[in-house]
Protein backbone atom coordinates (compact mmCIF):
# COMPACT_ATOMS: atom_id res chain seq x y z
CA UNK A 1 -0.07 0.01 0.06
CA UNK A 2 1.14 3.39 -0.84
CA UNK A 3 1.70 6.15 1.59
CA UNK A 4 -1.43 8.27 0.61
CA UNK A 5 -4.10 5.44 0.82
CA UNK A 6 -2.17 4.39 4.14
CA UNK A 7 -2.72 7.75 5.62
CA UNK A 8 -6.25 7.76 4.55
CA UNK A 9 -6.78 4.06 6.15
CA UNK A 10 -5.19 5.42 9.33
CA UNK A 11 -7.32 8.59 9.57
CA UNK A 12 -10.55 6.60 8.94
CA UNK A 13 -9.38 3.71 11.58
CA UNK A 14 -8.59 6.37 14.18
CA UNK A 15 -12.09 8.14 13.86
CA UNK A 16 -13.90 4.69 14.09
CA UNK A 17 -11.79 2.54 16.64
CA UNK A 18 -13.71 1.19 19.34
CA UNK A 19 -13.91 -1.65 21.76
CA UNK A 20 -16.52 -4.66 21.13
CA UNK A 21 -18.85 -2.75 23.62
CA UNK A 22 -19.04 0.40 21.32
CA UNK A 23 -16.73 2.33 23.68
CA UNK A 24 -13.83 4.50 22.71
CA UNK A 25 -10.37 3.30 23.21
CA UNK A 26 -8.09 5.01 25.73
CA UNK A 27 -5.39 7.37 24.82
CA UNK A 28 -2.58 4.91 25.53
CA UNK A 29 -4.21 2.35 23.14
CA UNK A 30 -5.00 4.55 20.40
CA UNK A 31 -1.13 5.54 20.65
CA UNK A 32 -0.24 1.74 20.92
CA UNK A 33 -1.96 1.13 17.95
CA UNK A 34 -0.01 3.64 16.00
CA UNK A 35 3.24 2.47 17.47
CA UNK A 36 2.30 -1.12 16.66
CA UNK A 37 1.64 -0.40 13.02
CA UNK A 38 4.95 1.66 12.70
CA UNK A 39 6.84 -1.26 14.22
CA UNK A 40 5.16 -3.71 11.88
CA UNK A 41 6.01 -1.57 8.79
CA UNK A 42 9.58 -1.14 10.04
CA UNK A 43 10.14 -4.79 10.82
CA UNK A 44 12.71 -6.62 8.59
CA UNK A 45 10.08 -8.07 6.22
CA UNK A 46 8.92 -4.64 5.25
CA UNK A 47 11.70 -2.43 6.41
CA UNK A 48 9.90 0.93 5.44
CA UNK A 49 11.76 3.18 7.79
CA UNK A 50 8.54 5.24 8.65
CA UNK A 51 7.91 7.37 11.47
CA UNK A 52 4.14 7.71 11.31
CA UNK A 53 4.13 10.20 14.27
CA UNK A 54 6.53 12.80 12.71
CA UNK A 55 6.29 12.07 8.95
CA UNK A 56 4.34 15.00 7.13
CA UNK A 57 2.88 12.43 4.80
CA UNK A 58 0.80 11.19 7.84
CA UNK A 59 -0.40 14.67 8.70
CA UNK A 60 -4.35 13.90 8.16
CA UNK A 61 -4.05 10.81 10.19
CA UNK A 62 -2.27 12.28 13.01
CA UNK A 63 -4.70 15.12 13.08
CA UNK A 64 -7.45 12.74 13.46
CA UNK A 65 -5.66 10.92 16.27
CA UNK A 66 -4.97 14.19 17.94
CA UNK A 67 -8.85 15.15 17.47
CA UNK A 68 -9.83 11.68 19.08
CA UNK A 69 -7.39 12.19 22.03
CA UNK A 70 -8.90 15.65 22.47
CA UNK A 71 -12.31 14.26 22.62
CA UNK A 72 -11.41 11.74 25.13
CA UNK A 73 -9.67 14.42 27.34
CA UNK A 74 -12.97 16.81 27.14
CA UNK A 75 -15.22 13.96 28.04
CA UNK A 76 -12.89 12.90 30.91
CA UNK A 77 -11.94 9.63 29.63
CA UNK A 78 -8.41 10.24 28.37
CA UNK A 79 -6.46 8.28 31.02
CA UNK A 80 -6.26 4.62 31.61
CA UNK A 81 -8.34 3.04 34.54
CA UNK A 82 -5.73 1.45 36.88
CA UNK A 83 -6.36 -1.29 39.19
CA UNK A 84 -7.19 -0.10 42.73
CA UNK A 85 -4.54 0.18 45.23
CA UNK A 86 -4.31 -2.29 47.98
CA UNK A 87 -6.63 -1.38 50.87
CA UNK A 88 -5.07 -0.55 54.39
CA UNK A 89 -6.83 -3.63 56.23
CA UNK A 90 -5.70 -6.13 53.24
CA UNK A 91 -2.02 -4.70 53.65
CA UNK A 92 -2.28 -5.49 57.37
CA UNK A 93 -3.50 -9.01 56.58
CA UNK A 94 -0.51 -9.61 54.36
CA UNK A 95 1.74 -8.13 56.88
CA UNK A 96 0.63 -10.51 59.72
CA UNK A 97 1.18 -13.53 57.75
CA UNK A 98 4.38 -15.83 58.66
CA UNK A 99 5.22 -15.67 55.02
CA UNK A 100 6.17 -11.94 55.30
CA UNK A 101 7.28 -12.02 58.79
CA UNK A 102 10.86 -11.43 59.98
CA UNK A 103 11.24 -14.65 61.74
CA UNK A 104 13.30 -16.63 59.06
CA UNK A 105 15.66 -15.55 56.35
CA UNK A 106 13.45 -16.56 53.56
CA UNK A 107 10.39 -14.67 54.87
CA UNK A 108 12.53 -11.84 55.36
CA UNK A 109 13.62 -11.66 51.94
CA UNK A 110 9.85 -12.13 50.87
CA UNK A 111 9.17 -9.10 53.13
CA UNK A 112 11.90 -6.99 51.65
CA UNK A 113 10.90 -7.86 48.07
CA UNK A 114 7.32 -7.37 48.63
CA UNK A 115 7.81 -3.63 49.97
CA UNK A 116 10.54 -3.07 46.95
CA UNK A 117 7.94 -3.84 44.53
CA UNK A 118 5.02 -2.15 46.15
CA UNK A 119 6.73 1.17 46.47
CA UNK A 120 9.08 0.99 43.38
CA UNK A 121 8.28 -1.37 40.56
CA UNK A 122 5.70 -0.38 38.52
CA UNK A 123 7.05 -1.62 35.33
CA UNK A 124 6.37 -5.35 36.14
CA UNK A 125 8.62 -8.12 36.02
CA UNK A 126 11.36 -6.74 33.59
CA UNK A 127 11.65 -3.58 35.75
CA UNK A 128 12.43 -5.99 38.89
CA UNK A 129 14.92 -8.03 36.89
CA UNK A 130 17.03 -5.00 36.26
CA UNK A 131 17.34 -3.72 39.82
CA UNK A 132 20.61 -3.69 41.57
CA UNK A 133 22.14 -1.95 44.66
CA UNK A 134 22.86 0.88 42.45
CA UNK A 135 19.03 1.21 41.65
CA UNK A 136 18.51 2.91 44.99
CA UNK A 137 19.87 5.78 47.12
CA UNK A 138 19.50 6.52 50.80
CA UNK A 139 18.93 9.98 51.66
CA UNK A 140 17.44 11.72 54.85
CA UNK A 141 14.60 14.15 54.53
CA UNK A 142 14.18 17.70 56.25
CA UNK A 143 12.85 16.03 59.30
CA UNK A 144 15.73 13.67 59.67
CA UNK A 145 13.91 10.68 58.75
CA UNK A 146 15.78 8.05 56.37
CA UNK A 147 14.22 6.54 53.34
CA UNK A 148 15.45 4.93 49.97
CA UNK A 149 14.63 6.27 46.70
CA UNK A 150 15.21 5.30 43.09
CA UNK A 151 18.37 6.63 41.64
CA UNK A 152 17.10 6.66 37.95
CA UNK A 153 14.03 6.78 36.08
CA UNK A 154 12.74 3.25 35.30
CA UNK A 155 12.64 2.74 31.34
CA UNK A 156 9.23 1.48 30.35
CA UNK A 157 6.88 1.29 27.37
CA UNK A 158 5.71 4.70 28.77
CA UNK A 159 8.99 6.32 29.75
CA UNK A 160 11.53 5.00 27.27
CA UNK A 161 13.95 7.85 27.34
CA UNK A 162 13.05 9.34 23.95
CA UNK A 163 13.72 12.96 23.20
CA UNK A 164 9.87 13.85 23.67
CA UNK A 165 9.67 11.50 26.58
CA UNK A 166 8.07 13.20 29.61
CA UNK A 167 10.09 12.75 32.64
CA UNK A 168 8.44 10.17 35.00
CA UNK A 169 7.98 10.75 38.99
CA UNK A 170 8.56 7.26 39.67
CA UNK A 171 11.88 7.70 41.02
CA UNK A 172 10.39 10.28 43.62
CA UNK A 173 8.97 7.48 45.51
CA UNK A 174 10.03 7.14 49.15
CA UNK A 175 10.01 4.25 51.53
CA UNK A 176 10.52 5.40 55.01
CA UNK A 177 11.98 3.71 57.71
CA UNK A 178 9.83 2.38 60.39
CA UNK A 179 10.61 0.94 63.81
CA UNK A 180 8.21 -1.44 65.85
């Protein structure tokens, strides 16, 4: 398919894309579609070398995508709905179990890992595998309380470190020391 018809088809796709229930896709899903199509066209079997998001030949489809995202924003449905956080009472139940107690080396390890994941690892397993002792800095706040924090921004599909990437606030998470 040539660029002109591809731009036209993408424009139509962005205007009509919806879930099986007839609802609009989220902003991240629409952008994910564009990135997936771009990856597919740039894969070795095609090797088109296209950058759909910046190529002026895709102006019309990108304008339609921007219009869809703006519509989502004005209707208050721009963002992804995330899973609810762990309720305080459920967190207390978890912490009261032998599995996360400090009574053995294995349960202590599980306890530390649970809290590292809870406070810092929003990138899933791939983010956890890349953690090292250099991934954390130990600091003290103005009140004199000690805490570890991330020493770097995690690379993820949403924060890949590209030129237009918005800096994340993930490395600002703090896990304060506590004494029982």
